[in-house]
C-alpha atoms as a PDB file:
ATOM      1  CA  MET A   1      22.414  -7.065 -11.325  1.00  0.00           C
ATOM      2  CA  GLY A   2      23.371  -4.587 -14.029  1.00  0.00           C
ATOM      3  CA  SER A   3      22.626  -0.898 -14.002  1.00  0.00           C
ATOM      4  CA  VAL A   4      19.881  -1.235 -16.641  1.00  0.00           C
ATOM      5  CA  GLU A   5      17.979  -3.717 -14.485  1.00  0.00           C
ATOM      6  CA  MET A   6      18.495  -1.579 -11.382  1.00  0.00           C
ATOM      7  CA  VAL A   7      17.077   1.471 -13.172  1.00  0.00           C
ATOM      8  CA  LYS A   8      14.020  -0.560 -14.181  1.00  0.00           C
ATOM      9  CA  VAL A   9      13.470  -1.591 -10.557  1.00  0.00           C
ATOM     10  CA  PHE A  10      13.956   1.967  -9.262  1.00  0.00           C
ATOM     11  CA  ARG A  11      11.474   3.281 -11.825  1.00  0.00           C
ATOM     12  CA  ALA A  12       8.953   0.684 -10.736  1.00  0.00           C
ATOM     13  CA  LEU A  13       9.440   1.683  -7.095  1.00  0.00           C
ATOM     14  CA  SER A  14       9.231   5.416  -7.819  1.00  0.00           C
ATOM     15  CA  CYS A  15       5.440   5.342  -7.370  1.00  0.00           C
ATOM     16  CA  ARG A  16       4.001   5.363  -3.829  1.00  0.00           C
ATOM     17  CA  LYS A  17       1.190   2.997  -4.780  1.00  0.00           C
ATOM     18  CA  ARG A  18       3.639   0.448  -6.195  1.00  0.00           C
ATOM     19  CA  MET A  19       5.808   0.754  -3.084  1.00  0.00           C
ATOM     20  CA  ALA A  20       2.720   0.034  -0.986  1.00  0.00           C
ATOM     21  CA  ILE A  21       1.910  -3.000  -3.139  1.00  0.00           C
ATOM     22  CA  VAL A  22       5.427  -4.393  -2.688  1.00  0.00           C
ATOM     23  CA  GLU A  23       5.240  -3.828   1.075  1.00  0.00           C
ATOM     24  CA  LEU A  24       1.942  -5.729   1.252  1.00  0.00           C
ATOM     25  CA  LEU A  25       3.260  -8.536  -0.938  1.00  0.00           C
ATOM     26  CA  LEU A  26       6.347  -8.915   1.251  1.00  0.00           C
ATOM     27  CA  GLN A  27       3.977  -9.851   4.073  1.00  0.00           C
ATOM     28  CA  GLN A  28       1.837 -12.350   2.162  1.00  0.00           C
ATOM     29  CA  GLU A  29       0.631 -13.549  -1.224  1.00  0.00           C
ATOM     30  CA  LEU A  30      -2.461 -11.586  -2.356  1.00  0.00           C
ATOM     31  CA  CYS A  31      -4.857 -11.355  -5.299  1.00  0.00           C
ATOM     32  CA  VAL A  32      -5.748  -8.151  -7.166  1.00  0.00           C
ATOM     33  CA  GLY A  33      -9.100  -7.798  -5.407  1.00  0.00           C
ATOM     34  CA  THR A  34      -7.577  -7.982  -1.944  1.00  0.00           C
ATOM     35  CA  LEU A  35      -4.786  -5.565  -2.895  1.00  0.00           C
ATOM     36  CA  ALA A  36      -7.352  -3.128  -4.297  1.00  0.00           C
ATOM     37  CA  ALA A  37      -9.424  -3.298  -1.118  1.00  0.00           C
ATOM     38  CA  LYS A  38      -6.395  -2.786   1.132  1.00  0.00           C
ATOM     39  CA  LEU A  39      -5.148   0.158  -0.959  1.00  0.00           C
ATOM     40  CA  GLY A  40      -8.539   1.755  -1.578  1.00  0.00           C
ATOM     41  CA  ALA A  41      -7.907   1.617  -5.324  1.00  0.00           C
ATOM     42  CA  SER A  42      -9.687   0.130  -8.302  1.00  0.00           C
ATOM     43  CA  GLN A  43      -8.771  -3.358  -9.464  1.00  0.00           C
ATOM     44  CA  SER A  44      -7.795  -2.039 -12.893  1.00  0.00           C
ATOM     45  CA  SER A  45      -5.423   0.488 -11.316  1.00  0.00           C
ATOM     46  CA  VAL A  46      -3.834  -2.208  -9.158  1.00  0.00           C
ATOM     47  CA  SER A  47      -3.546  -4.496 -12.204  1.00  0.00           C
ATOM     48  CA  GLN A  48      -1.659  -1.792 -14.106  1.00  0.00           C
ATOM     49  CA  HIS A  49       0.711  -1.260 -11.187  1.00  0.00           C
ATOM     50  CA  LEU A  50       1.241  -5.016 -10.893  1.00  0.00           C
ATOM     51  CA  ARG A  51       2.142  -5.183 -14.589  1.00  0.00           C
ATOM     52  CA  VAL A  52       4.915  -2.615 -14.052  1.00  0.00           C
ATOM     53  CA  LEU A  53       6.136  -4.452 -10.953  1.00  0.00           C
ATOM     54  CA  ARG A  54       6.041  -7.797 -12.754  1.00  0.00           C
ATOM     55  CA  ASP A  55       7.938  -6.378 -15.764  1.00  0.00           C
ATOM     56  CA  SER A  56      10.671  -5.125 -13.429  1.00  0.00           C
ATOM     57  CA  GLY A  57      10.906  -8.519 -11.733  1.00  0.00           C
ATOM     58  CA  LEU A  58       9.775  -7.222  -8.339  1.00  0.00           C
ATOM     59  CA  VAL A  59       6.581  -9.284  -8.327  1.00  0.00           C
ATOM     60  CA  THR A  60       5.819 -12.831  -9.396  1.00  0.00           C
ATOM     61  CA  ASP A  61       2.436 -14.439  -9.913  1.00  0.00           C
ATOM     62  CA  ASN A  62       1.006 -17.861  -9.126  1.00  0.00           C
ATOM     63  CA  ARG A  63      -2.117 -19.276 -10.741  1.00  0.00           C
ATOM     64  CA  TYR A  64      -4.696 -21.124  -8.715  1.00  0.00           C
ATOM     65  CA  GLY A  65      -7.303 -22.148 -11.277  1.00  0.00           C
ATOM     66  CA  TYR A  66      -8.825 -18.890 -12.533  1.00  0.00           C
ATOM     67  CA  HIS A  67      -7.266 -16.838  -9.756  1.00  0.00           C
ATOM     68  CA  ILE A  68      -3.842 -15.223  -9.793  1.00  0.00           C
ATOM     69  CA  HIS A  69      -2.034 -14.404  -6.580  1.00  0.00           C
ATOM     70  CA  TYR A  70       1.010 -12.156  -6.413  1.00  0.00           C
ATOM     71  CA  THR A  71       4.070 -12.174  -4.203  1.00  0.00           C
ATOM     72  CA  ALA A  72       7.139  -9.940  -3.893  1.00  0.00           C
ATOM     73  CA  ASN A  73      10.379 -11.243  -5.355  1.00  0.00           C
ATOM     74  CA  ARG A  74      12.758 -10.991  -2.407  1.00  0.00           C
ATOM     75  CA  GLU A  75      15.730 -12.040  -4.560  1.00  0.00           C
ATOM     76  CA  ILE A  76      15.472  -8.882  -6.670  1.00  0.00           C
ATOM     77  CA  LEU A  77      15.280  -6.697  -3.575  1.00  0.00           C
ATOM     78  CA  GLU A  78      18.341  -8.429  -2.132  1.00  0.00           C
ATOM     79  CA  GLN A  79      20.209  -7.884  -5.418  1.00  0.00           C
ATOM     80  CA  ILE A  80      19.332  -4.176  -5.295  1.00  0.00           C
ATOM     81  CA  ILE A  81      20.618  -3.944  -1.722  1.00  0.00           C
ATOM     82  CA  GLY A  82      23.798  -5.755  -2.766  1.00  0.00           C
ATOM     83  CA  GLY A  83      24.270  -3.458  -5.745  1.00  0.00           C
ATOM     84  CA  LEU A  84      23.854  -0.352  -3.613  1.00  0.00           C
ATOM     85  CA  SER A  85      26.215  -1.738  -0.970  1.00  0.00           C
ATOM     86  CA  GLY A  86      28.771  -2.374  -3.693  1.00  0.00           C
ATOM     87  CA  MET A  87      28.467   1.201  -4.909  1.00  0.00           C
ATOM     88  CA  LEU A  88      28.940   2.523  -1.369  1.00  0.00           C
ATOM     89  CA  SER A  89      31.960   0.355  -0.682  1.00  0.00           C
ATOM     90  CA  LYS A  90      33.981   1.658  -3.632  1.00  0.00           C
ATOM     91  CA  GLU A  91      36.920   3.788  -2.626  1.00  0.00           C
ATOM     92  CA  ASN A  92      37.594   7.200  -4.092  1.00  0.00           C
ATOM     93  CA  ALA A  93      39.881   6.103  -6.944  1.00  0.00           C
ATOM     94  CA  GLY A  94      40.773   9.512  -8.303  1.00  0.00           C
ATOM     95  CA  ALA A  95      42.221  12.761  -7.134  1.00  0.00           C
ATOM     96  CA  GLU A  96      40.075  15.736  -6.346  1.00  0.00           C
ATOM     97  CA  CYS A  97      38.672  17.735  -9.214  1.00  0.00           C
ATOM     98  CA  PRO A  98      41.422  20.011 -10.543  1.00  0.00           C
ATOM     99  CA  ARG A  99      38.904  22.839 -10.848  1.00  0.00           C
ATOM    100  CA  LYS A 100      37.647  22.583  -7.277  1.00  0.00           C
ATOM    101  CA  GLY A 101      36.521  25.992  -6.133  1.00  0.00           C
ATOM    102  CA  ILE A 102      36.566  27.381  -9.676  1.00  0.00           C
ATOM    103  CA  LEU A 103      33.481  27.856 -11.788  1.00  0.00           C
ATOM    104  CA  CYS A 104      33.300  24.634 -13.803  1.00  0.00           C
ATOM    105  CA  VAL A 105      31.125  25.960 -16.596  1.00  0.00           C
ATOM    106  CA  GLU A 106      32.430  28.742 -18.755  1.00  0.00           C
ATOM    107  CA  ASN A 107      30.290  31.822 -19.057  1.00  0.00           C
ATOM    108  CA  THR A 108      27.967  31.060 -21.970  1.00  0.00           C
ATOM    109  CA  LYS A 109      26.023  34.315 -22.061  1.00  0.00           C
ATOM    110  CA  GLN A 110      25.036  35.065 -25.597  1.00  0.00           C
ATOM    111  CA  LYS A 111      23.629  38.280 -26.922  1.00  0.00           C
ATOM    112  CA  VAL A 112      20.085  37.888 -28.091  1.00  0.00           C
ATOM    113  CA  LYS A 113      19.466  39.371 -31.500  1.00  0.00           C
ATOM    114  CA  THR A 114      16.376  41.497 -31.802  1.00  0.00           C
ATOM    115  CA  SER A 115      14.587  41.551 -35.102  1.00  0.00           C
END
């Protein structure tokens, strides 16, 4: 999974309500009404959160006649875990910063002109 896709997933998970939805959907497939009842939220609010989650690939939907049930996409979550593990396993390839212990940003104080 590329960094662009990972950012999209992290943005989708940056909301507590969406995290709660994913946690519920990891346990079982649910419809909007049931999710709304479990979360104490309106169906329209849950639908908007599901749209974000679906766009990021974290949630998939299944139609049963007129009803749509949602489930968490475990593959995406596993790819995120793999991507993070890969980042953590990389060795320090470079030397220490040559300016270690020295102020890295030059003093940029500017005089303010008064009119």
